[in-house]
Protein backbone atom coordinates (compact mmCIF):
# COMPACT_ATOMS: atom_id res chain seq x y z
CA UNK A 1 100.70 87.20 96.56
CA UNK A 2 102.18 85.44 93.49
CA UNK A 3 105.46 84.70 95.68
CA UNK A 4 102.70 82.89 98.08
CA UNK A 5 100.24 81.04 96.05
CA UNK A 6 101.68 77.78 95.73
CA UNK A 7 101.17 77.33 99.30
CA UNK A 8 97.72 76.24 98.66
CA UNK A 9 99.16 73.37 96.42
CA UNK A 10 99.97 71.83 99.79
CA UNK A 11 96.59 72.69 101.51
CA UNK A 12 97.11 75.56 103.24
CA UNK A 13 94.77 78.45 103.12
CA UNK A 14 95.99 81.88 101.73
CA UNK A 15 94.70 85.13 103.54
CA UNK A 16 96.43 88.45 102.01
CA UNK A 17 96.19 91.90 103.68
CA UNK A 18 95.28 94.90 101.68
CA UNK A 19 96.88 98.05 102.84
CA UNK A 20 97.27 101.55 101.32
CA UNK A 21 99.72 102.24 98.39
CA UNK A 22 100.32 98.71 97.15
CA UNK A 23 96.60 98.08 96.74
CA UNK A 24 95.85 101.45 95.31
CA UNK A 25 98.18 103.09 93.79
CA UNK A 26 101.39 100.83 92.80
CA UNK A 27 99.47 98.58 90.56
CA UNK A 28 98.18 101.68 88.69
CA UNK A 29 102.08 102.46 87.87
CA UNK A 30 103.50 98.82 87.58
CA UNK A 31 101.36 96.67 85.00
CA UNK A 32 103.37 93.92 85.59
CA UNK A 33 102.11 94.15 89.67
CA UNK A 34 98.54 94.60 87.95
CA UNK A 35 98.95 91.32 85.86
CA UNK A 36 100.26 89.51 89.21
CA UNK A 37 97.29 90.71 91.16
CA UNK A 38 94.51 89.87 88.38
CA UNK A 39 95.96 86.36 87.95
CA UNK A 40 96.70 85.60 91.84
CA UNK A 41 93.67 87.61 93.52
CA UNK A 42 90.78 85.34 92.29
CA UNK A 43 92.39 82.48 93.84
CA UNK A 44 92.68 83.72 97.34
CA UNK A 45 90.78 82.35 100.21
CA UNK A 46 90.39 85.62 102.24
CA UNK A 47 91.31 89.06 102.32
CA UNK A 48 91.92 91.31 105.47
CA UNK A 49 91.07 95.20 104.09
CA UNK A 50 92.19 97.89 106.65
CA UNK A 51 88.91 99.99 105.00
CA UNK A 52 86.20 99.22 103.23
CA UNK A 53 87.41 101.36 100.75
CA UNK A 54 90.71 99.31 100.33
CA UNK A 55 88.23 96.23 99.66
CA UNK A 56 86.53 98.14 96.91
CA UNK A 57 89.66 98.45 95.32
CA UNK A 58 91.02 94.94 95.43
CA UNK A 59 87.46 94.20 93.62
CA UNK A 60 89.10 95.68 90.23
CA UNK A 61 91.89 92.87 90.18
CA UNK A 62 89.57 90.01 90.83
CA UNK A 63 89.31 89.48 94.51
CA UNK A 64 85.73 88.22 95.58
CA UNK A 65 83.76 90.66 97.63
CA UNK A 66 82.48 87.81 99.20
CA UNK A 67 86.00 86.67 100.59
CA UNK A 68 87.08 90.14 101.94
CA UNK A 69 86.41 91.28 105.42
CA UNK A 70 87.05 94.51 106.80
CA UNK A 71 89.37 94.66 110.26
CA UNK A 72 90.27 98.28 111.33
CA UNK A 73 93.82 98.67 112.81
CA UNK A 74 94.01 98.40 116.67
CA UNK A 75 95.92 100.55 118.69
CA UNK A 76 97.97 100.02 121.82
CA UNK A 77 99.73 103.21 122.71
CA UNK A 78 100.89 103.11 126.02
CA UNK A 79 98.62 103.98 129.05
CA UNK A 80 101.29 106.19 130.93
CA UNK A 81 101.00 108.75 128.18
CA UNK A 82 99.32 112.16 129.67
CA UNK A 83 96.58 113.69 127.82
CA UNK A 84 97.93 117.16 127.90
CA UNK A 85 95.32 119.61 127.11
CA UNK A 86 96.77 122.10 124.48
CA UNK A 87 93.38 123.83 124.03
CA UNK A 88 93.07 125.20 127.49
CA UNK A 89 94.87 128.28 126.78
CA UNK A 90 93.52 130.81 124.10
CA UNK A 91 94.81 130.00 121.06
CA UNK A 92 97.06 132.67 119.72
CA UNK A 93 98.99 131.10 116.80
CA UNK A 94 97.37 127.84 115.65
CA UNK A 95 99.79 124.80 115.17
CA UNK A 96 99.33 122.32 112.56
CA UNK A 97 101.01 119.24 112.28
CA UNK A 98 101.22 116.46 109.35
CA UNK A 99 103.31 113.50 109.86
CA UNK A 100 104.24 110.83 106.95
CA UNK A 101 106.57 110.10 104.55
CA UNK A 102 107.17 112.28 101.88
CA UNK A 103 105.31 111.15 99.07
CA UNK A 104 103.15 112.93 96.44
CA UNK A 105 100.16 110.95 97.67
CA UNK A 106 100.61 112.78 100.91
CA UNK A 107 99.15 116.01 99.53
CA UNK A 108 101.94 117.96 101.05
CA UNK A 109 101.79 120.61 97.92
CA UNK A 110 98.18 120.86 98.61
CA UNK A 111 98.66 121.59 102.25
CA UNK A 112 101.63 124.00 101.25
CA UNK A 113 99.16 126.27 98.82
CA UNK A 114 96.33 125.97 102.02
CA UNK A 115 99.12 127.66 104.06
CA UNK A 116 99.48 130.57 101.42
CA UNK A 117 95.90 131.28 101.51
CA UNK A 118 95.90 131.41 105.14
CA UNK A 119 98.81 133.66 105.30
CA UNK A 120 96.97 135.88 102.74
CA UNK A 121 93.70 135.79 105.23
CA UNK A 122 96.06 137.35 107.99
CA UNK A 123 95.74 133.86 109.78
CA UNK A 124 98.36 133.32 112.64
CA UNK A 125 99.79 129.99 112.04
CA UNK A 126 102.32 127.59 111.97
CA UNK A 127 102.74 124.25 110.23
CA UNK A 128 105.21 121.61 110.60
CA UNK A 129 105.57 118.25 108.61
CA UNK A 130 107.39 115.42 110.12
CA UNK A 131 109.18 113.39 107.24
CA UNK A 132 109.48 116.21 104.55
CA UNK A 133 113.01 117.81 105.61
CA UNK A 134 115.32 117.88 102.48
CA UNK A 135 112.80 117.07 100.03
CA UNK A 136 113.71 119.62 97.07
CA UNK A 137 109.92 119.99 95.56
CA UNK A 138 108.56 121.02 98.96
CA UNK A 139 111.46 123.09 99.81
CA UNK A 140 111.29 125.04 96.62
CA UNK A 141 107.54 125.35 97.03
CA UNK A 142 107.53 126.51 100.54
CA UNK A 143 110.59 129.04 99.53
CA UNK A 144 108.46 129.91 96.13
CA UNK A 145 105.09 131.02 98.38
CA UNK A 146 106.97 132.74 100.95
CA UNK A 147 106.14 130.52 104.02
CA UNK A 148 109.78 129.85 105.36
CA UNK A 149 108.64 131.47 108.52
CA UNK A 150 105.19 129.99 108.83
CA UNK A 151 106.34 126.38 107.57
CA UNK A 152 108.64 124.04 109.64
CA UNK A 153 110.18 120.48 107.73
CA UNK A 154 111.51 118.11 110.32
CA UNK A 155 113.13 114.67 109.43
CA UNK A 156 111.71 111.26 110.65
CA UNK A 157 111.61 111.34 114.59
CA UNK A 158 111.67 108.70 117.07
CA UNK A 159 108.07 107.60 118.05
CA UNK A 160 108.13 109.38 121.67
CA UNK A 161 109.11 112.79 120.14
CA UNK A 162 106.40 112.28 117.63
CA UNK A 163 103.61 111.76 120.22
CA UNK A 164 105.03 115.03 122.37
CA UNK A 165 104.53 117.24 118.93
CA UNK A 166 100.97 115.40 118.52
CA UNK A 167 100.36 116.49 121.94
CA UNK A 168 101.37 119.95 121.67
CA UNK A 169 99.87 120.73 118.27
CA UNK A 170 96.11 122.33 117.99
CA UNK A 171 95.63 120.38 114.60
CA UNK A 172 96.58 117.21 113.14
CA UNK A 173 96.07 117.56 109.45
CA UNK A 174 96.07 114.78 106.82
CA UNK A 175 96.06 116.29 103.40
CA UNK A 176 96.41 112.87 101.61
CA UNK A 177 95.36 112.18 97.63
CA UNK A 178 94.31 108.46 99.12
CA UNK A 179 94.95 106.38 102.19
CA UNK A 180 93.81 103.14 103.50
CA UNK A 181 93.17 104.67 106.65
CA UNK A 182 96.12 106.65 108.17
CA UNK A 183 97.17 105.31 111.32
CA UNK A 184 98.21 108.79 112.23
CA UNK A 185 94.88 110.15 112.45
CA UNK A 186 93.79 107.12 114.54
CA UNK A 187 96.51 108.00 116.86
CA UNK A 188 95.60 111.48 117.45
CA UNK A 189 91.88 110.57 117.89
CA UNK A 190 93.20 108.45 120.70
CA UNK A 191 95.18 111.00 122.37
CA UNK A 192 91.94 113.04 122.08
CA UNK A 193 93.14 115.89 119.49
CA UNK A 194 91.58 117.48 116.64
CA UNK A 195 91.64 115.96 113.38
CA UNK A 196 91.40 117.48 109.58
CA UNK A 197 91.53 114.99 106.83
CA UNK A 198 90.55 114.88 103.49
CA UNK A 199 88.18 112.58 102.28
CA UNK A 200 90.25 109.88 100.52
CA UNK A 201 90.26 106.30 100.51
CA UNK A 202 88.34 105.08 104.02
CA UNK A 203 88.88 107.92 106.14
CA UNK A 204 85.35 108.99 106.37
CA UNK A 205 84.64 105.14 107.37
CA UNK A 206 86.15 106.90 111.16
CA UNK A 207 86.41 110.75 111.05
CA UNK A 208 82.78 112.01 110.82
CA UNK A 209 82.97 115.67 109.63
CA UNK A 210 81.70 117.85 112.64
CA UNK A 211 81.28 114.98 115.36
CA UNK A 212 84.96 113.66 115.79
CA UNK A 213 86.88 115.35 113.57
CA UNK A 214 87.02 117.29 110.13
CA UNK A 215 87.06 116.19 106.58
CA UNK A 216 87.35 118.31 103.30
CA UNK A 217 87.87 117.15 99.66
CA UNK A 218 90.73 116.01 98.12
CA UNK A 219 93.23 118.14 96.44
CA UNK A 220 91.36 121.39 97.84
CA UNK A 221 93.15 123.86 99.47
CA UNK A 222 90.37 126.33 99.78
CA UNK A 223 88.41 123.83 101.28
CA UNK A 224 91.28 123.02 103.80
CA UNK A 225 91.79 126.74 104.42
CA UNK A 226 88.31 127.66 105.03
CA UNK A 227 88.14 124.73 107.37
CA UNK A 228 91.43 125.37 109.57
CA UNK A 229 89.74 129.02 109.93
CA UNK A 230 86.38 127.53 110.93
CA UNK A 231 88.16 125.07 113.24
CA UNK A 232 90.45 127.98 114.82
CA UNK A 233 86.96 129.53 116.11
CA UNK A 234 85.75 126.57 117.95
CA UNK A 235 84.84 127.20 121.59
CA UNK A 236 86.41 124.85 124.51
CA UNK A 237 83.41 123.26 124.77
CA UNK A 238 83.12 122.34 121.21
CA UNK A 239 86.70 120.85 121.14
CA UNK A 240 85.80 119.04 124.38
CA UNK A 241 83.09 117.30 122.51
CA UNK A 242 84.76 116.50 119.31
CA UNK A 243 87.84 115.12 120.80
CA UNK A 244 85.88 113.26 123.28
CA UNK A 245 83.86 111.55 120.36
CA UNK A 246 87.32 111.26 118.61
CA UNK A 247 88.60 109.41 121.71
CA UNK A 248 85.16 106.91 121.85
CA UNK A 249 85.43 105.96 118.52
CA UNK A 250 88.85 104.78 118.17
CA UNK A 251 88.13 102.80 121.42
CA UNK A 252 84.98 101.28 119.96
CA UNK A 253 86.22 100.58 116.74
CA UNK A 254 89.75 100.57 116.41
CA UNK A 255 91.05 98.74 119.89
CA UNK A 256 93.82 96.43 119.97
CA UNK A 257 91.70 93.72 121.37
CA UNK A 258 88.65 94.28 118.84
CA UNK A 259 91.16 93.61 115.87
CA UNK A 260 92.52 91.02 117.33
CA UNK A 261 89.17 89.10 117.52
CA UNK A 262 87.99 90.28 114.02
CA UNK A 263 91.45 89.00 112.42
CA UNK A 264 90.40 85.40 114.27
CA UNK A 265 86.81 85.91 112.90
CA UNK A 266 88.29 86.14 109.57
CA UNK A 267 90.68 83.01 109.75
CA UNK A 268 87.79 81.15 111.23
CA UNK A 269 85.50 82.24 108.08
CA UNK A 270 88.11 81.15 105.48
CA UNK A 271 88.66 77.83 107.40
CA UNK A 272 84.94 77.12 107.53
CA UNK A 273 83.73 78.24 104.14
CA UNK A 274 86.47 75.62 103.01
CA UNK A 275 85.49 72.84 105.12
CA UNK A 276 81.72 73.17 103.95
CA UNK A 277 82.48 73.94 100.60
């Protein structure tokens, strides 16, 4: 923000997008960044927040709540993607999938502890994490917990391959400690997949437990394992209802058209506020 605040000297208005760890985590660890936010946020003309939770976080650094507007991420998935139904057959081995960079905030260590609990309870499952291959801490934890047969770490993959894995999975899991709103969950809901997220950040603004997905507290392997077992017992009818609701949620809240319209509204708001003030 500090690199762009100068545009106001030329009569230009500044709108800042608030996204993820740059707003919630980085200023806690980087005091220089925190001071920069505190110096510039009160001067910004408008803020685009990807969730209500992200907007509240920005207020800690001086952002005026009246200048913050929530614009949820919009999806534009290729229209030719077939909606493969991985729930038609009786589920034998529950296929769990997480996707995202290897960072402590993603909560993969809690997910592995969850897998240990599932194994101890005799649940037949396999858990794949895309983006965790070769991460020393996670590789050690997986081995230490005796999960080498139940857990697979993959490297970063092309988008088409990720979509294929999402379609084949039974449950997309987001064990994160903090998020704005994770796009991977939005994409999974668009594909009519079951999703399980923690209540981090703004996730509960989109995912409603038992209605269009499932939510558990952060840092809670016991709650995660219990919920996974609960989900594995759902009937085909229950799955159909939840995944249909998920798709409808995305079409209503996270369409690309709505995102564009809401961004235009934000820009007009900033300009009109300046004109009338």
